[in-house]
Amino acid sequence: MKRWYGKVLGFIAGWLLMRHPAGGLIGLLIGHAFDSDWFRRPAHDAYDVLGLDNDASDSEIDLAYRRLMAQYHPDRMTGAAPELLEQAQKRAAEINRAYDRIKKQRGGR
């Protein structure tokens, strides 16, 4: 379910702060921006790192993690140039962090 409380709180806060209906409208727009994650940094989204949507199942997450780690694991790059090995290490670390973050978020499931 989409979040809605940012819109309500924004509307009330805007109306009360500006004491005018236009303040409620401005607050509503700001609340909508927060509810829609306009201010989130998508570059660090764990699901994007794994190439998945936010509603992916646990099995899809595990499969994507295994597939990417099989591709980027530094041990599979034994004969590669040092630059490629360093890039693979960075990418593998990024994939591990994203997977750990998702598993931590879903720990309650």
Protein backbone atom coordinates (compact mmCIF):
# COMPACT_ATOMS: atom_id res chain seq x y z
CA MET A 1 0.00 0.00 0.00
CA LYS A 2 1.26 3.45 -0.85
CA ARG A 3 2.01 5.84 1.95
CA TRP A 4 -0.55 8.57 2.55
CA TYR A 5 0.26 10.10 5.92
CA GLY A 6 2.82 12.55 4.51
CA LYS A 7 0.10 14.22 2.48
CA VAL A 8 -2.20 14.56 5.48
CA LEU A 9 0.51 15.83 7.82
CA GLY A 10 1.83 18.18 5.15
CA PHE A 11 -1.62 19.60 4.51
CA ILE A 12 -2.28 20.21 8.21
CA ALA A 13 1.18 21.67 8.88
CA GLY A 14 1.00 23.93 5.80
CA TRP A 15 -2.44 25.21 6.72
CA LEU A 16 -1.44 25.89 10.32
CA LEU A 17 1.89 27.52 9.49
CA MET A 18 0.58 29.82 6.77
CA ARG A 19 -2.96 30.18 8.18
CA HIS A 20 -4.30 30.12 4.65
CA PRO A 21 -5.76 27.42 2.37
CA ALA A 22 -2.84 27.91 -0.03
CA GLY A 23 -0.53 26.77 2.78
CA GLY A 24 -2.49 23.54 2.97
CA LEU A 25 -1.99 23.02 -0.76
CA ILE A 26 1.75 23.65 -0.51
CA GLY A 27 1.98 21.29 2.46
CA LEU A 28 0.01 18.68 0.53
CA LEU A 29 2.45 18.89 -2.37
CA ILE A 30 5.47 18.58 -0.08
CA GLY A 31 3.83 15.63 1.70
CA HIS A 32 3.18 13.97 -1.66
CA ALA A 33 6.85 14.41 -2.57
CA PHE A 34 7.91 12.61 0.61
CA ASP A 35 5.32 9.85 0.17
CA SER A 36 6.50 9.27 -3.40
CA ASP A 37 10.18 9.11 -2.37
CA TRP A 38 11.18 12.03 -4.57
CA PHE A 39 13.98 12.82 -2.15
CA ARG A 40 15.39 9.29 -2.02
CA ARG A 41 18.76 8.67 -3.66
CA PRO A 42 18.07 5.94 -6.22
CA ALA A 43 21.76 5.34 -6.91
CA HIS A 44 22.09 3.53 -3.60
CA ASP A 45 18.90 1.50 -3.76
CA ALA A 46 19.71 -2.09 -2.89
CA TYR A 47 17.08 -3.47 -5.26
CA ASP A 48 18.55 -1.51 -8.18
CA VAL A 49 22.00 -2.93 -7.46
CA LEU A 50 20.59 -6.44 -7.78
CA GLY A 51 18.47 -5.46 -10.80
CA LEU A 52 15.15 -6.15 -9.08
CA ASP A 53 11.88 -4.39 -8.27
CA ASN A 54 10.94 -3.54 -4.69
CA ASP A 55 8.26 -6.24 -4.70
CA ALA A 56 10.61 -9.10 -5.64
CA SER A 57 10.18 -12.35 -3.74
CA ASP A 58 12.86 -13.80 -1.46
CA SER A 59 13.68 -16.51 -3.98
CA GLU A 60 14.13 -13.91 -6.76
CA ILE A 61 16.46 -11.93 -4.51
CA ASP A 62 18.55 -15.01 -3.70
CA LEU A 63 18.71 -15.99 -7.38
CA ALA A 64 19.78 -12.49 -8.48
CA TYR A 65 22.44 -12.39 -5.74
CA ARG A 66 23.89 -15.77 -6.74
CA ARG A 67 23.86 -14.86 -10.43
CA LEU A 68 25.67 -11.56 -9.88
CA MET A 69 28.19 -13.01 -7.45
CA ALA A 70 28.98 -15.80 -9.91
CA GLN A 71 29.66 -13.12 -12.50
CA TYR A 72 31.64 -10.62 -10.38
CA HIS A 73 33.33 -12.69 -7.67
CA PRO A 74 37.06 -11.81 -7.60
CA ASP A 75 38.08 -15.49 -7.33
CA ARG A 76 36.65 -16.08 -10.80
CA MET A 77 38.93 -13.36 -12.22
CA THR A 78 42.24 -15.08 -11.49
CA GLY A 79 43.91 -14.28 -14.82
CA ALA A 80 42.47 -10.80 -15.27
CA ALA A 81 44.34 -7.52 -15.27
CA PRO A 82 44.75 -5.81 -11.88
CA GLU A 83 42.33 -3.03 -12.88
CA LEU A 84 39.60 -5.52 -13.74
CA LEU A 85 40.24 -7.44 -10.54
CA GLU A 86 39.86 -4.24 -8.50
CA GLN A 87 36.60 -3.37 -10.30
CA ALA A 88 35.28 -6.88 -9.63
CA GLN A 89 36.15 -6.55 -5.95
CA LYS A 90 34.30 -3.23 -5.69
CA ARG A 91 31.27 -4.58 -7.53
CA ALA A 92 31.20 -7.76 -5.40
CA ALA A 93 31.36 -5.66 -2.22
CA GLU A 94 28.50 -3.47 -3.51
CA ILE A 95 26.40 -6.57 -4.31
CA ASN A 96 27.08 -8.01 -0.85
CA ARG A 97 26.09 -4.75 0.87
CA ALA A 98 22.87 -4.55 -1.16
CA TYR A 99 21.97 -8.17 -0.40
CA ASP A 100 22.68 -7.71 3.31
CA ARG A 101 20.59 -4.52 3.39
CA ILE A 102 17.63 -6.26 1.76
CA LYS A 103 17.87 -9.26 4.06
CA LYS A 104 18.07 -6.94 7.08
CA GLN A 105 14.96 -5.04 5.91
CA ARG A 106 13.04 -8.25 5.33
CA GLY A 107 14.16 -9.84 8.59
CA GLY A 108 10.68 -9.47 10.04
CA ARG A 109 9.04 -11.53 7.31
